[in-house]
Amino acid sequence: MWGNTRRGWGIVSIVQHWVSAVAIVGLFALGWWMTDLGYYDSWYNLAPWWHRSIGMLLFAATLLRLTWRAASTSPALPGARFERLAAELGHLGLYVLLVAVLVSGYLISTADGRGISVFDWFEVPAIVSDLPRQATLAGTVHWYLALALIGLAIVHMLAAFKHHVIDRHDVLVRMVNPRISRKP
């Protein structure tokens, strides 16, 4: 029930998936909202602090998720060969975009040489800083990759609904109910 089988996802993968999904959508919404904050707005410093802190936790969770995914079985994909290939490429794209968005966010936040305080619990050190125009370039990359990530996530969601509603596959149900993977 905790681990994956060839029939379905286990609890660990399901929780990782949904926590990541909520964090990604929340970070995107927060990031978009905070770009319009004025200097005298009470959230001017607090919103980026939340954004960076959640982003760093998501980065750690993503590294754990990729490790779990590499070490675990993945359920068989239903559908035609083209659909299975599209699913594999789509998932790869989601992971690549997610890591790239997180790295570019890190580069924005550490451009001045200071580390990132994660909810004042610990600090992630600035390993790369003081590159020419680091914050500006990383900020542009971060924004466009975040848009691409949200776009691909929407395609991912629509594909899951298509498989559930039109094709009557259990792809969506397997990402909600770990007991599906235990049925004979």
N, C-alpha and C. Protein backbone atom coordinates (compact mmCIF):
# COMPACT_ATOMS: atom_id res chain seq x y z
N MET A 1 0.81 -1.19 0.00
CA MET A 1 0.00 0.00 0.00
C MET A 1 0.86 1.26 0.00
N TRP A 2 2.01 1.23 0.66
CA TRP A 2 2.89 2.39 0.68
C TRP A 2 3.64 2.56 -0.63
N GLY A 3 4.07 1.43 -1.21
CA GLY A 3 4.86 1.49 -2.43
C GLY A 3 4.02 1.27 -3.67
N ASN A 4 4.63 1.55 -4.81
CA ASN A 4 3.96 1.39 -6.09
C ASN A 4 3.98 -0.07 -6.53
N THR A 5 3.03 -0.42 -7.37
CA THR A 5 3.02 -1.72 -8.03
C THR A 5 2.84 -1.46 -9.53
N ARG A 6 2.85 -2.50 -10.32
CA ARG A 6 2.61 -2.34 -11.76
C ARG A 6 1.15 -1.98 -12.03
N ARG A 7 0.28 -2.16 -11.04
CA ARG A 7 -1.14 -1.82 -11.21
C ARG A 7 -1.48 -0.40 -10.76
N GLY A 8 -0.73 0.14 -9.78
CA GLY A 8 -1.10 1.46 -9.28
C GLY A 8 -0.04 2.11 -8.40
N TRP A 9 -0.33 3.35 -8.03
CA TRP A 9 0.56 4.14 -7.21
C TRP A 9 0.31 3.85 -5.73
N GLY A 10 1.37 3.86 -4.95
CA GLY A 10 1.26 3.69 -3.51
C GLY A 10 1.03 5.03 -2.82
N ILE A 11 0.81 4.99 -1.53
CA ILE A 11 0.51 6.20 -0.76
C ILE A 11 1.65 7.23 -0.86
N VAL A 12 2.88 6.79 -0.81
CA VAL A 12 4.01 7.73 -0.86
C VAL A 12 3.97 8.54 -2.15
N SER A 13 3.80 7.87 -3.28
CA SER A 13 3.75 8.58 -4.57
C SER A 13 2.52 9.47 -4.68
N ILE A 14 1.40 9.00 -4.18
CA ILE A 14 0.16 9.79 -4.24
C ILE A 14 0.30 11.07 -3.42
N VAL A 15 0.82 10.95 -2.20
CA VAL A 15 0.99 12.14 -1.35
C VAL A 15 2.00 13.10 -1.99
N GLN A 16 3.10 12.57 -2.49
CA GLN A 16 4.09 13.42 -3.15
C GLN A 16 3.47 14.17 -4.33
N HIS A 17 2.67 13.49 -5.12
CA HIS A 17 2.04 14.09 -6.29
C HIS A 17 1.14 15.25 -5.90
N TRP A 18 0.22 15.01 -4.95
CA TRP A 18 -0.77 16.03 -4.61
C TRP A 18 -0.18 17.17 -3.80
N VAL A 19 0.79 16.91 -2.93
CA VAL A 19 1.45 17.99 -2.21
C VAL A 19 2.21 18.87 -3.20
N SER A 20 2.90 18.26 -4.16
CA SER A 20 3.60 19.03 -5.19
C SER A 20 2.62 19.85 -6.02
N ALA A 21 1.52 19.24 -6.42
CA ALA A 21 0.53 19.95 -7.25
C ALA A 21 -0.01 21.18 -6.53
N VAL A 22 -0.37 21.03 -5.26
CA VAL A 22 -0.90 22.16 -4.49
C VAL A 22 0.18 23.23 -4.32
N ALA A 23 1.40 22.81 -4.02
CA ALA A 23 2.50 23.76 -3.82
C ALA A 23 2.80 24.52 -5.11
N ILE A 24 2.83 23.83 -6.23
CA ILE A 24 3.14 24.47 -7.51
C ILE A 24 2.08 25.51 -7.87
N VAL A 25 0.82 25.13 -7.77
CA VAL A 25 -0.26 26.08 -8.09
C VAL A 25 -0.25 27.24 -7.09
N GLY A 26 -0.05 26.94 -5.81
CA GLY A 26 0.00 28.00 -4.80
C GLY A 26 1.17 28.95 -5.01
N LEU A 27 2.34 28.40 -5.31
CA LEU A 27 3.51 29.24 -5.55
C LEU A 27 3.33 30.11 -6.79
N PHE A 28 2.72 29.53 -7.83
CA PHE A 28 2.49 30.31 -9.04
C PHE A 28 1.55 31.48 -8.74
N ALA A 29 0.45 31.19 -8.05
CA ALA A 29 -0.51 32.24 -7.72
C ALA A 29 0.13 33.31 -6.83
N LEU A 30 0.87 32.88 -5.82
CA LEU A 30 1.53 33.82 -4.91
C LEU A 30 2.57 34.65 -5.67
N GLY A 31 3.35 34.00 -6.52
CA GLY A 31 4.36 34.72 -7.29
C GLY A 31 3.76 35.76 -8.21
N TRP A 32 2.68 35.40 -8.87
CA TRP A 32 2.02 36.34 -9.76
C TRP A 32 1.45 37.52 -8.97
N TRP A 33 0.81 37.22 -7.85
CA TRP A 33 0.20 38.25 -7.01
C TRP A 33 1.26 39.20 -6.46
N MET A 34 2.38 38.65 -6.00
CA MET A 34 3.34 39.50 -5.31
C MET A 34 4.12 40.40 -6.27
N THR A 35 4.07 40.14 -7.57
CA THR A 35 4.77 41.02 -8.51
C THR A 35 4.12 42.39 -8.60
N ASP A 36 2.87 42.50 -8.18
CA ASP A 36 2.17 43.79 -8.21
C ASP A 36 2.18 44.51 -6.87
N LEU A 37 2.84 43.96 -5.88
CA LEU A 37 2.87 44.60 -4.57
C LEU A 37 3.73 45.86 -4.60
N GLY A 38 3.25 46.90 -3.95
CA GLY A 38 4.01 48.13 -3.84
C GLY A 38 4.92 48.10 -2.62
N TYR A 39 5.90 48.98 -2.63
CA TYR A 39 6.89 49.02 -1.56
C TYR A 39 6.25 49.20 -0.18
N TYR A 40 5.16 49.95 -0.10
CA TYR A 40 4.53 50.22 1.19
C TYR A 40 3.44 49.21 1.54
N ASP A 41 3.26 48.21 0.72
CA ASP A 41 2.27 47.16 1.01
C ASP A 41 2.80 46.31 2.16
N SER A 42 1.91 45.92 3.06
CA SER A 42 2.33 45.13 4.22
C SER A 42 2.87 43.75 3.83
N TRP A 43 2.53 43.25 2.65
CA TRP A 43 3.00 41.95 2.18
C TRP A 43 4.28 42.04 1.34
N TYR A 44 4.80 43.25 1.15
CA TYR A 44 5.94 43.45 0.25
C TYR A 44 7.14 42.56 0.60
N ASN A 45 7.44 42.41 1.86
CA ASN A 45 8.55 41.54 2.29
C ASN A 45 8.07 40.16 2.70
N LEU A 46 6.84 40.07 3.21
CA LEU A 46 6.34 38.79 3.71
C LEU A 46 6.01 37.80 2.59
N ALA A 47 5.40 38.27 1.52
CA ALA A 47 5.03 37.36 0.42
C ALA A 47 6.25 36.68 -0.21
N PRO A 48 7.32 37.42 -0.53
CA PRO A 48 8.51 36.74 -1.06
C PRO A 48 9.13 35.76 -0.06
N TRP A 49 9.06 36.09 1.24
CA TRP A 49 9.60 35.19 2.27
C TRP A 49 8.85 33.86 2.24
N TRP A 50 7.51 33.93 2.16
CA TRP A 50 6.70 32.72 2.05
C TRP A 50 7.01 31.98 0.75
N HIS A 51 7.11 32.72 -0.34
CA HIS A 51 7.37 32.13 -1.65
C HIS A 51 8.70 31.38 -1.66
N ARG A 52 9.73 32.02 -1.14
CA ARG A 52 11.05 31.38 -1.09
C ARG A 52 11.05 30.17 -0.16
N SER A 53 10.44 30.32 1.00
CA SER A 53 10.42 29.22 1.98
C SER A 53 9.70 28.00 1.43
N ILE A 54 8.51 28.19 0.90
CA ILE A 54 7.76 27.07 0.32
C ILE A 54 8.51 26.51 -0.88
N GLY A 55 9.11 27.38 -1.68
CA GLY A 55 9.88 26.93 -2.84
C GLY A 55 11.04 26.03 -2.45
N MET A 56 11.76 26.39 -1.40
CA MET A 56 12.89 25.56 -0.96
C MET A 56 12.41 24.22 -0.40
N LEU A 57 11.28 24.22 0.31
CA LEU A 57 10.72 22.95 0.79
C LEU A 57 10.27 22.08 -0.38
N LEU A 58 9.67 22.72 -1.39
CA LEU A 58 9.27 21.98 -2.58
C LEU A 58 10.49 21.42 -3.31
N PHE A 59 11.58 22.19 -3.34
CA PHE A 59 12.81 21.71 -3.97
C PHE A 59 13.30 20.43 -3.28
N ALA A 60 13.34 20.44 -1.95
CA ALA A 60 13.76 19.25 -1.20
C ALA A 60 12.79 18.09 -1.45
N ALA A 61 11.50 18.38 -1.43
CA ALA A 61 10.49 17.34 -1.67
C ALA A 61 10.62 16.78 -3.09
N THR A 62 10.95 17.64 -4.04
CA THR A 62 11.11 17.19 -5.43
C THR A 62 12.32 16.27 -5.57
N LEU A 63 13.41 16.59 -4.90
CA LEU A 63 14.58 15.71 -4.94
C LEU A 63 14.25 14.35 -4.33
N LEU A 64 13.51 14.35 -3.22
CA LEU A 64 13.07 13.09 -2.62
C LEU A 64 12.12 12.34 -3.56
N ARG A 65 11.24 13.08 -4.20
CA ARG A 65 10.28 12.46 -5.13
C ARG A 65 10.99 11.82 -6.31
N LEU A 66 11.97 12.51 -6.87
CA LEU A 66 12.72 11.94 -8.00
C LEU A 66 13.50 10.70 -7.57
N THR A 67 14.04 10.73 -6.37
CA THR A 67 14.75 9.56 -5.85
C THR A 67 13.78 8.39 -5.66
N TRP A 68 12.62 8.66 -5.08
CA TRP A 68 11.60 7.63 -4.88
C TRP A 68 11.15 7.07 -6.23
N ARG A 69 10.93 7.96 -7.19
CA ARG A 69 10.46 7.53 -8.51
C ARG A 69 11.50 6.64 -9.19
N ALA A 70 12.78 7.00 -9.07
CA ALA A 70 13.84 6.20 -9.69
C ALA A 70 13.99 4.84 -9.03
N ALA A 71 13.72 4.76 -7.74
CA ALA A 71 13.91 3.51 -7.00
C ALA A 71 12.66 2.63 -6.98
N SER A 72 11.53 3.16 -7.44
CA SER A 72 10.26 2.44 -7.33
C SER A 72 9.76 1.96 -8.69
N THR A 73 8.86 1.02 -8.60
CA THR A 73 8.15 0.56 -9.78
C THR A 73 7.16 1.63 -10.20
N SER A 74 6.94 1.76 -11.48
CA SER A 74 5.89 2.66 -11.97
C SER A 74 4.77 1.82 -12.56
N PRO A 75 3.53 2.22 -12.32
CA PRO A 75 2.41 1.47 -12.89
C PRO A 75 2.44 1.48 -14.41
N ALA A 76 1.92 0.43 -14.99
CA ALA A 76 1.83 0.35 -16.44
C ALA A 76 0.87 1.42 -16.93
N LEU A 77 1.20 2.00 -18.07
CA LEU A 77 0.35 3.04 -18.66
C LEU A 77 -0.63 2.41 -19.64
N PRO A 78 -1.89 2.79 -19.56
CA PRO A 78 -2.87 2.29 -20.54
C PRO A 78 -2.80 3.12 -21.82
N GLY A 79 -3.51 2.70 -22.82
CA GLY A 79 -3.63 3.48 -24.05
C GLY A 79 -2.73 3.00 -25.17
N ALA A 80 -2.87 3.68 -26.28
CA ALA A 80 -2.08 3.36 -27.48
C ALA A 80 -0.62 3.75 -27.26
N ARG A 81 0.24 3.24 -28.12
CA ARG A 81 1.68 3.50 -28.00
C ARG A 81 1.96 5.01 -27.99
N PHE A 82 1.30 5.76 -28.85
CA PHE A 82 1.48 7.20 -28.91
C PHE A 82 1.10 7.86 -27.59
N GLU A 83 0.01 7.42 -26.97
CA GLU A 83 -0.43 7.99 -25.70
C GLU A 83 0.56 7.68 -24.58
N ARG A 84 1.10 6.48 -24.58
CA ARG A 84 2.09 6.12 -23.56
C ARG A 84 3.36 6.95 -23.73
N LEU A 85 3.79 7.14 -24.97
CA LEU A 85 4.97 7.97 -25.23
C LEU A 85 4.72 9.42 -24.82
N ALA A 86 3.53 9.93 -25.14
CA ALA A 86 3.17 11.29 -24.76
C ALA A 86 3.16 11.44 -23.24
N ALA A 87 2.65 10.42 -22.54
CA ALA A 87 2.62 10.46 -21.07
C ALA A 87 4.03 10.48 -20.51
N GLU A 88 4.90 9.65 -21.03
CA GLU A 88 6.30 9.62 -20.56
C GLU A 88 6.98 10.96 -20.80
N LEU A 89 6.83 11.50 -22.01
CA LEU A 89 7.45 12.78 -22.33
C LEU A 89 6.84 13.91 -21.51
N GLY A 90 5.54 13.86 -21.29
CA GLY A 90 4.87 14.87 -20.48
C GLY A 90 5.36 14.87 -19.04
N HIS A 91 5.49 13.67 -18.47
CA HIS A 91 6.00 13.58 -17.09
C HIS A 91 7.44 14.06 -17.01
N LEU A 92 8.25 13.66 -17.98
CA LEU A 92 9.64 14.13 -18.02
C LEU A 92 9.67 15.65 -18.11
N GLY A 93 8.83 16.21 -18.97
CA GLY A 93 8.77 17.66 -19.11
C GLY A 93 8.37 18.36 -17.81
N LEU A 94 7.40 17.78 -17.10
CA LEU A 94 6.98 18.35 -15.82
C LEU A 94 8.13 18.38 -14.82
N TYR A 95 8.86 17.27 -14.74
CA TYR A 95 9.98 17.20 -13.80
C TYR A 95 11.10 18.17 -14.19
N VAL A 96 11.44 18.22 -15.48
CA VAL A 96 12.51 19.12 -15.94
C VAL A 96 12.12 20.57 -15.68
N LEU A 97 10.89 20.94 -16.04
CA LEU A 97 10.44 22.31 -15.81
C LEU A 97 10.41 22.64 -14.32
N LEU A 98 9.93 21.72 -13.51
CA LEU A 98 9.85 21.96 -12.07
C LEU A 98 11.23 22.21 -11.49
N VAL A 99 12.19 21.37 -11.81
CA VAL A 99 13.55 21.55 -11.29
C VAL A 99 14.14 22.86 -11.80
N ALA A 100 13.93 23.16 -13.08
CA ALA A 100 14.46 24.41 -13.65
C ALA A 100 13.84 25.64 -13.00
N VAL A 101 12.54 25.61 -12.74
CA VAL A 101 11.88 26.73 -12.05
C VAL A 101 12.46 26.90 -10.65
N LEU A 102 12.64 25.79 -9.94
CA LEU A 102 13.17 25.86 -8.58
C LEU A 102 14.61 26.36 -8.57
N VAL A 103 15.43 25.89 -9.49
CA VAL A 103 16.83 26.35 -9.56
C VAL A 103 16.88 27.83 -9.90
N SER A 104 16.08 28.27 -10.88
CA SER A 104 16.10 29.69 -11.24
C SER A 104 15.59 30.56 -10.09
N GLY A 105 14.61 30.07 -9.34
CA GLY A 105 14.16 30.81 -8.16
C GLY A 105 15.26 30.93 -7.11
N TYR A 106 15.99 29.85 -6.93
CA TYR A 106 17.13 29.87 -6.01
C TYR A 106 18.16 30.91 -6.47
N LEU A 107 18.43 30.94 -7.77
CA LEU A 107 19.42 31.88 -8.30
C LEU A 107 18.98 33.34 -8.16
N ILE A 108 17.68 33.60 -8.25
CA ILE A 108 17.17 34.95 -8.01
C ILE A 108 17.45 35.33 -6.55
N SER A 109 17.06 34.45 -5.66
CA SER A 109 17.09 34.74 -4.23
C SER A 109 18.49 34.81 -3.65
N THR A 110 19.45 34.19 -4.27
CA THR A 110 20.82 34.18 -3.74
C THR A 110 21.77 35.05 -4.56
N ALA A 111 21.25 35.83 -5.49
CA ALA A 111 22.10 36.65 -6.35
C ALA A 111 22.95 37.65 -5.57
N ASP A 112 22.44 38.11 -4.42
CA ASP A 112 23.18 39.08 -3.62
C ASP A 112 24.16 38.43 -2.64
N GLY A 113 24.27 37.09 -2.70
CA GLY A 113 25.23 36.39 -1.85
C GLY A 113 24.66 35.92 -0.51
N ARG A 114 23.42 36.32 -0.21
CA ARG A 114 22.79 35.88 1.03
C ARG A 114 22.04 34.58 0.80
N GLY A 115 22.00 33.73 1.84
CA GLY A 115 21.26 32.48 1.77
C GLY A 115 19.76 32.73 1.86
N ILE A 116 19.00 31.65 1.79
CA ILE A 116 17.55 31.72 1.86
C ILE A 116 17.09 31.16 3.20
N SER A 117 16.44 32.01 3.97
CA SER A 117 15.87 31.56 5.25
C SER A 117 14.57 30.82 4.94
N VAL A 118 14.47 29.60 5.42
CA VAL A 118 13.27 28.78 5.21
C VAL A 118 12.46 28.82 6.50
N PHE A 119 11.46 29.71 6.52
CA PHE A 119 10.58 29.90 7.68
C PHE A 119 11.37 30.13 8.98
N ASP A 120 12.55 30.66 8.88
CA ASP A 120 13.44 30.89 10.03
C ASP A 120 13.80 29.60 10.76
N TRP A 121 13.61 28.46 10.10
CA TRP A 121 13.99 27.16 10.68
C TRP A 121 15.45 26.86 10.38
N PHE A 122 15.86 27.14 9.15
CA PHE A 122 17.23 26.91 8.70
C PHE A 122 17.48 27.79 7.50
N GLU A 123 18.75 27.87 7.09
CA GLU A 123 19.10 28.69 5.94
C GLU A 123 19.76 27.82 4.87
N VAL A 124 19.32 28.02 3.63
CA VAL A 124 19.94 27.38 2.47
C VAL A 124 21.02 28.35 1.99
N PRO A 125 22.28 27.93 1.98
CA PRO A 125 23.35 28.87 1.64
C PRO A 125 23.34 29.28 0.16
N ALA A 126 23.92 30.44 -0.09
CA ALA A 126 24.10 30.92 -1.46
C ALA A 126 25.37 30.29 -2.01
N ILE A 127 25.21 29.34 -2.90
CA ILE A 127 26.37 28.67 -3.49
C ILE A 127 26.84 29.42 -4.74
N VAL A 128 25.89 29.91 -5.51
CA VAL A 128 26.20 30.66 -6.73
C VAL A 128 25.64 32.06 -6.55
N SER A 129 26.50 33.06 -6.66
CA SER A 129 26.03 34.44 -6.55
C SER A 129 26.98 35.37 -7.29
N ASP A 130 26.54 36.59 -7.43
CA ASP A 130 27.35 37.65 -8.05
C ASP A 130 27.68 37.41 -9.52
N LEU A 131 26.91 36.59 -10.20
CA LEU A 131 27.09 36.47 -11.64
C LEU A 131 26.53 37.73 -12.29
N PRO A 132 27.04 38.11 -13.44
CA PRO A 132 26.51 39.32 -14.08
C PRO A 132 25.00 39.19 -14.36
N ARG A 133 24.24 40.16 -13.87
CA ARG A 133 22.79 40.23 -14.07
C ARG A 133 22.07 38.96 -13.61
N GLN A 134 22.60 38.30 -12.60
CA GLN A 134 22.05 37.02 -12.14
C GLN A 134 20.58 37.12 -11.77
N ALA A 135 20.22 38.09 -10.96
CA ALA A 135 18.83 38.19 -10.51
C ALA A 135 17.90 38.50 -11.68
N THR A 136 18.30 39.38 -12.56
CA THR A 136 17.46 39.76 -13.69
C THR A 136 17.26 38.60 -14.66
N LEU A 137 18.35 37.97 -15.04
CA LEU A 137 18.25 36.84 -15.98
C LEU A 137 17.51 35.66 -15.37
N ALA A 138 17.85 35.34 -14.13
CA ALA A 138 17.17 34.22 -13.46
C ALA A 138 15.69 34.54 -13.27
N GLY A 139 15.37 35.81 -13.02
CA GLY A 139 13.97 36.22 -12.86
C GLY A 139 13.18 36.03 -14.14
N THR A 140 13.76 36.39 -15.26
CA THR A 140 13.09 36.21 -16.55
C THR A 140 12.90 34.73 -16.84
N VAL A 141 13.94 33.96 -16.64
CA VAL A 141 13.86 32.51 -16.86
C VAL A 141 12.81 31.90 -15.93
N HIS A 142 12.83 32.31 -14.68
CA HIS A 142 11.89 31.79 -13.67
C HIS A 142 10.45 32.03 -14.10
N TRP A 143 10.15 33.23 -14.54
CA TRP A 143 8.79 33.59 -14.93
C TRP A 143 8.31 32.74 -16.12
N TYR A 144 9.12 32.68 -17.18
CA TYR A 144 8.68 31.95 -18.38
C TYR A 144 8.63 30.44 -18.16
N LEU A 145 9.55 29.91 -17.37
CA LEU A 145 9.49 28.48 -17.06
C LEU A 145 8.29 28.17 -16.17
N ALA A 146 7.96 29.07 -15.25
CA ALA A 146 6.77 28.88 -14.41
C ALA A 146 5.51 28.87 -15.26
N LEU A 147 5.43 29.76 -16.24
CA LEU A 147 4.28 29.76 -17.16
C LEU A 147 4.22 28.44 -17.93
N ALA A 148 5.37 27.97 -18.42
CA ALA A 148 5.41 26.70 -19.15
C ALA A 148 5.01 25.54 -18.25
N LEU A 149 5.48 25.56 -17.00
CA LEU A 149 5.14 24.50 -16.05
C LEU A 149 3.64 24.47 -15.78
N ILE A 150 3.04 25.62 -15.56
CA ILE A 150 1.59 25.67 -15.31
C ILE A 150 0.84 25.22 -16.56
N GLY A 151 1.31 25.64 -17.72
CA GLY A 151 0.66 25.21 -18.97
C GLY A 151 0.72 23.71 -19.15
N LEU A 152 1.89 23.12 -18.92
CA LEU A 152 2.02 21.67 -19.06
C LEU A 152 1.23 20.94 -17.97
N ALA A 153 1.15 21.52 -16.78
CA ALA A 153 0.34 20.92 -15.71
C ALA A 153 -1.14 20.91 -16.09
N ILE A 154 -1.59 21.95 -16.76
CA ILE A 154 -2.98 21.99 -17.23
C ILE A 154 -3.23 20.92 -18.28
N VAL A 155 -2.28 20.74 -19.19
CA VAL A 155 -2.39 19.67 -20.20
C VAL A 155 -2.42 18.31 -19.49
N HIS A 156 -1.57 18.14 -18.48
CA HIS A 156 -1.51 16.91 -17.69
C HIS A 156 -2.86 16.62 -17.04
N MET A 157 -3.46 17.65 -16.45
CA MET A 157 -4.76 17.50 -15.80
C MET A 157 -5.85 17.15 -16.82
N LEU A 158 -5.84 17.84 -17.95
CA LEU A 158 -6.84 17.56 -18.99
C LEU A 158 -6.69 16.14 -19.54
N ALA A 159 -5.45 15.69 -19.69
CA ALA A 159 -5.22 14.32 -20.16
C ALA A 159 -5.74 13.30 -19.15
N ALA A 160 -5.55 13.58 -17.86
CA ALA A 160 -6.06 12.67 -16.83
C ALA A 160 -7.58 12.60 -16.89
N PHE A 161 -8.23 13.75 -17.05
CA PHE A 161 -9.70 13.76 -17.16
C PHE A 161 -10.16 13.06 -18.43
N LYS A 162 -9.43 13.26 -19.53
CA LYS A 162 -9.77 12.58 -20.78
C LYS A 162 -9.71 11.07 -20.61
N HIS A 163 -8.63 10.59 -19.96
CA HIS A 163 -8.51 9.14 -19.72
C HIS A 163 -9.62 8.63 -18.81
N HIS A 164 -10.01 9.45 -17.84
CA HIS A 164 -11.04 9.03 -16.89
C HIS A 164 -12.44 9.06 -17.52
N VAL A 165 -12.79 10.16 -18.16
CA VAL A 165 -14.15 10.36 -18.65
C VAL A 165 -14.40 9.71 -20.01
N ILE A 166 -13.50 9.90 -20.95
CA ILE A 166 -13.72 9.41 -22.31
C ILE A 166 -13.24 7.97 -22.48
N ASP A 167 -12.00 7.70 -22.07
CA ASP A 167 -11.42 6.37 -22.29
C ASP A 167 -11.82 5.36 -21.22
N ARG A 168 -12.32 5.84 -20.09
CA ARG A 168 -12.71 4.98 -18.96
C ARG A 168 -11.54 4.17 -18.40
N HIS A 169 -10.33 4.76 -18.46
CA HIS A 169 -9.16 4.14 -17.83
C HIS A 169 -9.15 4.51 -16.35
N ASP A 170 -8.41 3.78 -15.56
CA ASP A 170 -8.35 4.06 -14.13
C ASP A 170 -7.15 4.93 -13.73
N VAL A 171 -6.59 5.66 -14.69
CA VAL A 171 -5.39 6.47 -14.44
C VAL A 171 -5.62 7.49 -13.32
N LEU A 172 -6.70 8.22 -13.39
CA LEU A 172 -6.99 9.24 -12.38
C LEU A 172 -7.31 8.60 -11.02
N VAL A 173 -8.08 7.55 -11.04
CA VAL A 173 -8.45 6.87 -9.79
C VAL A 173 -7.21 6.31 -9.10
N ARG A 174 -6.25 5.81 -9.87
CA ARG A 174 -5.02 5.26 -9.28
C ARG A 174 -4.21 6.33 -8.56
N MET A 175 -4.35 7.61 -8.97
CA MET A 175 -3.59 8.68 -8.33
C MET A 175 -4.34 9.24 -7.12
N VAL A 176 -5.50 8.68 -6.83
CA VAL A 176 -6.28 9.10 -5.67
C VAL A 176 -6.41 7.97 -4.65
N ASN A 177 -6.52 6.76 -5.13
CA ASN A 177 -6.83 5.62 -4.27
C ASN A 177 -5.73 4.55 -4.37
N PRO A 178 -4.90 4.41 -3.33
CA PRO A 178 -3.82 3.41 -3.39
C PRO A 178 -4.34 1.97 -3.36
N ARG A 179 -5.58 1.76 -2.95
CA ARG A 179 -6.14 0.40 -2.90
C ARG A 179 -6.36 -0.17 -4.29
N ILE A 180 -6.46 0.69 -5.30
CA ILE A 180 -6.65 0.23 -6.68
C ILE A 180 -5.50 -0.69 -7.07
N SER A 181 -4.31 -0.36 -6.62
CA SER A 181 -3.13 -1.14 -6.99
C SER A 181 -3.08 -2.50 -6.32
N ARG A 182 -3.95 -2.75 -5.38
CA ARG A 182 -3.93 -4.02 -4.64
C ARG A 182 -4.99 -5.01 -5.14
N LYS A 183 -5.85 -4.56 -6.04
CA LYS A 183 -6.88 -5.46 -6.55
C LYS A 183 -6.27 -6.49 -7.48
N PRO A 184 -6.78 -7.73 -7.43
CA PRO A 184 -6.21 -8.77 -8.29
C PRO A 184 -6.53 -8.56 -9.75
